[in-house]
C-alpha atoms as a PDB file:
ATOM      1  CA  UNK A   1      36.016 -16.199  24.891  1.00  0.00           C
ATOM      2  CA  UNK A   2      35.371 -12.732  26.232  1.00  0.00           C
ATOM      3  CA  UNK A   3      37.807  -9.906  25.693  1.00  0.00           C
ATOM      4  CA  UNK A   4      38.217  -7.015  28.078  1.00  0.00           C
ATOM      5  CA  UNK A   5      40.388  -4.216  26.813  1.00  0.00           C
ATOM      6  CA  UNK A   6      40.634  -1.112  24.719  1.00  0.00           C
ATOM      7  CA  UNK A   7      41.956  -0.579  21.223  1.00  0.00           C
ATOM      8  CA  UNK A   8      44.604   2.124  21.471  1.00  0.00           C
ATOM      9  CA  UNK A   9      45.623   2.253  17.822  1.00  0.00           C
ATOM     10  CA  UNK A  10      44.134   0.907  14.604  1.00  0.00           C
ATOM     11  CA  UNK A  11      46.097   1.530  11.429  1.00  0.00           C
ATOM     12  CA  UNK A  12      44.357  -0.350   8.607  1.00  0.00           C
ATOM     13  CA  UNK A  13      46.445  -3.035   6.935  1.00  0.00           C
ATOM     14  CA  UNK A  14      49.509  -2.469   9.126  1.00  0.00           C
ATOM     15  CA  UNK A  15      49.100  -2.148  12.928  1.00  0.00           C
ATOM     16  CA  UNK A  16      46.798  -2.876  15.879  1.00  0.00           C
ATOM     17  CA  UNK A  17      47.475  -1.980  19.518  1.00  0.00           C
ATOM     18  CA  UNK A  18      45.177  -2.946  22.392  1.00  0.00           C
ATOM     19  CA  UNK A  19      45.109  -3.486  26.131  1.00  0.00           C
ATOM     20  CA  UNK A  20      44.204  -6.789  27.745  1.00  0.00           C
ATOM     21  CA  UNK A  21      42.452  -6.151  31.038  1.00  0.00           C
ATOM     22  CA  UNK A  22      41.307  -9.672  31.936  1.00  0.00           C
ATOM     23  CA  UNK A  23      43.697 -10.463  34.762  1.00  0.00           C
ATOM     24  CA  UNK A  24      44.454  -9.089  38.188  1.00  0.00           C
ATOM     25  CA  UNK A  25      48.093  -8.463  37.241  1.00  0.00           C
ATOM     26  CA  UNK A  26      47.487  -5.140  35.462  1.00  0.00           C
ATOM     27  CA  UNK A  27      47.091  -4.247  31.803  1.00  0.00           C
ATOM     28  CA  UNK A  28      49.072  -6.030  29.115  1.00  0.00           C
ATOM     29  CA  UNK A  29      49.528  -4.030  25.913  1.00  0.00           C
ATOM     30  CA  UNK A  30      49.602  -6.053  22.695  1.00  0.00           C
ATOM     31  CA  UNK A  31      50.941  -4.665  19.425  1.00  0.00           C
ATOM     32  CA  UNK A  32      50.448  -6.570  16.171  1.00  0.00           C
ATOM     33  CA  UNK A  33      52.049  -5.440  12.925  1.00  0.00           C
ATOM     34  CA  UNK A  34      51.462  -6.721   9.406  1.00  0.00           C
ATOM     35  CA  UNK A  35      54.200  -6.204   6.807  1.00  0.00           C
ATOM     36  CA  UNK A  36      53.446  -7.293   3.238  1.00  0.00           C
ATOM     37  CA  UNK A  37      56.371  -8.105   0.968  1.00  0.00           C
ATOM     38  CA  UNK A  38      56.188  -9.928  -2.372  1.00  0.00           C
ATOM     39  CA  UNK A  39      52.651 -11.164  -1.759  1.00  0.00           C
ATOM     40  CA  UNK A  40      53.377 -12.563   1.703  1.00  0.00           C
ATOM     41  CA  UNK A  41      52.562 -11.046   5.086  1.00  0.00           C
ATOM     42  CA  UNK A  42      54.882 -11.048   8.077  1.00  0.00           C
ATOM     43  CA  UNK A  43      52.842 -10.938  11.301  1.00  0.00           C
ATOM     44  CA  UNK A  44      54.655  -9.775  14.440  1.00  0.00           C
ATOM     45  CA  UNK A  45      53.006  -9.903  17.881  1.00  0.00           C
ATOM     46  CA  UNK A  46      54.582  -8.020  20.789  1.00  0.00           C
ATOM     47  CA  UNK A  47      53.178  -8.139  24.327  1.00  0.00           C
ATOM     48  CA  UNK A  48      54.250  -5.644  26.985  1.00  0.00           C
ATOM     49  CA  UNK A  49      53.469  -7.021  30.440  1.00  0.00           C
ATOM     50  CA  UNK A  50      53.117  -4.765  33.491  1.00  0.00           C
ATOM     51  CA  UNK A  51      55.470  -6.991  35.534  1.00  0.00           C
ATOM     52  CA  UNK A  52      57.534 -10.179  35.410  1.00  0.00           C
ATOM     53  CA  UNK A  53      54.880 -11.825  37.584  1.00  0.00           C
ATOM     54  CA  UNK A  54      52.222 -11.088  34.972  1.00  0.00           C
ATOM     55  CA  UNK A  55      54.421 -12.626  32.264  1.00  0.00           C
ATOM     56  CA  UNK A  56      55.105 -15.699  34.389  1.00  0.00           C
ATOM     57  CA  UNK A  57      51.382 -16.235  35.052  1.00  0.00           C
ATOM     58  CA  UNK A  58      51.183 -18.453  31.963  1.00  0.00           C
ATOM     59  CA  UNK A  59      49.012 -16.230  29.795  1.00  0.00           C
ATOM     60  CA  UNK A  60      51.308 -16.663  26.779  1.00  0.00           C
ATOM     61  CA  UNK A  61      50.497 -20.359  26.357  1.00  0.00           C
ATOM     62  CA  UNK A  62      47.491 -19.880  24.073  1.00  0.00           C
ATOM     63  CA  UNK A  63      49.300 -17.821  21.419  1.00  0.00           C
ATOM     64  CA  UNK A  64      50.710 -20.728  19.351  1.00  0.00           C
ATOM     65  CA  UNK A  65      47.263 -22.353  19.178  1.00  0.00           C
ATOM     66  CA  UNK A  66      45.601 -19.053  18.214  1.00  0.00           C
ATOM     67  CA  UNK A  67      48.142 -18.471  15.442  1.00  0.00           C
ATOM     68  CA  UNK A  68      47.681 -22.059  14.182  1.00  0.00           C
ATOM     69  CA  UNK A  69      43.932 -21.411  13.996  1.00  0.00           C
ATOM     70  CA  UNK A  70      44.546 -18.154  12.117  1.00  0.00           C
ATOM     71  CA  UNK A  71      46.803 -20.004   9.678  1.00  0.00           C
ATOM     72  CA  UNK A  72      44.077 -22.611   9.060  1.00  0.00           C
ATOM     73  CA  UNK A  73      41.461 -19.895   8.523  1.00  0.00           C
ATOM     74  CA  UNK A  74      43.636 -17.996   6.069  1.00  0.00           C
ATOM     75  CA  UNK A  75      44.439 -21.179   4.171  1.00  0.00           C
ATOM     76  CA  UNK A  76      40.741 -22.007   3.890  1.00  0.00           C
ATOM     77  CA  UNK A  77      39.916 -18.490   2.706  1.00  0.00           C
ATOM     78  CA  UNK A  78      42.690 -18.670   0.118  1.00  0.00           C
ATOM     79  CA  UNK A  79      41.407 -21.942  -1.284  1.00  0.00           C
ATOM     80  CA  UNK A  80      37.894 -20.485  -1.546  1.00  0.00           C
ATOM     81  CA  UNK A  81      39.032 -17.474  -3.535  1.00  0.00           C
ATOM     82  CA  UNK A  82      41.181 -19.624  -5.814  1.00  0.00           C
ATOM     83  CA  UNK A  83      38.201 -21.801  -6.824  1.00  0.00           C
ATOM     84  CA  UNK A  84      35.867 -18.893  -7.600  1.00  0.00           C
END
């Protein structure tokens, strides 16, 4: 999958902000924060759409699948480091 956008902010270990410029509805700005507490990480994703029409276009449907894939990846990485 190709990505068209620009990283606006990169704060290691805590925050990413980028634009998504793939659609004709304008730029969506995505902010992701990572908050570590007691060995666990809370991931928060916030999307700011340029209009209600852009939000209603259905572009949010892939997020649950992407987060499920991230969860699987992290679980597999954790099991690898535990066995070493």
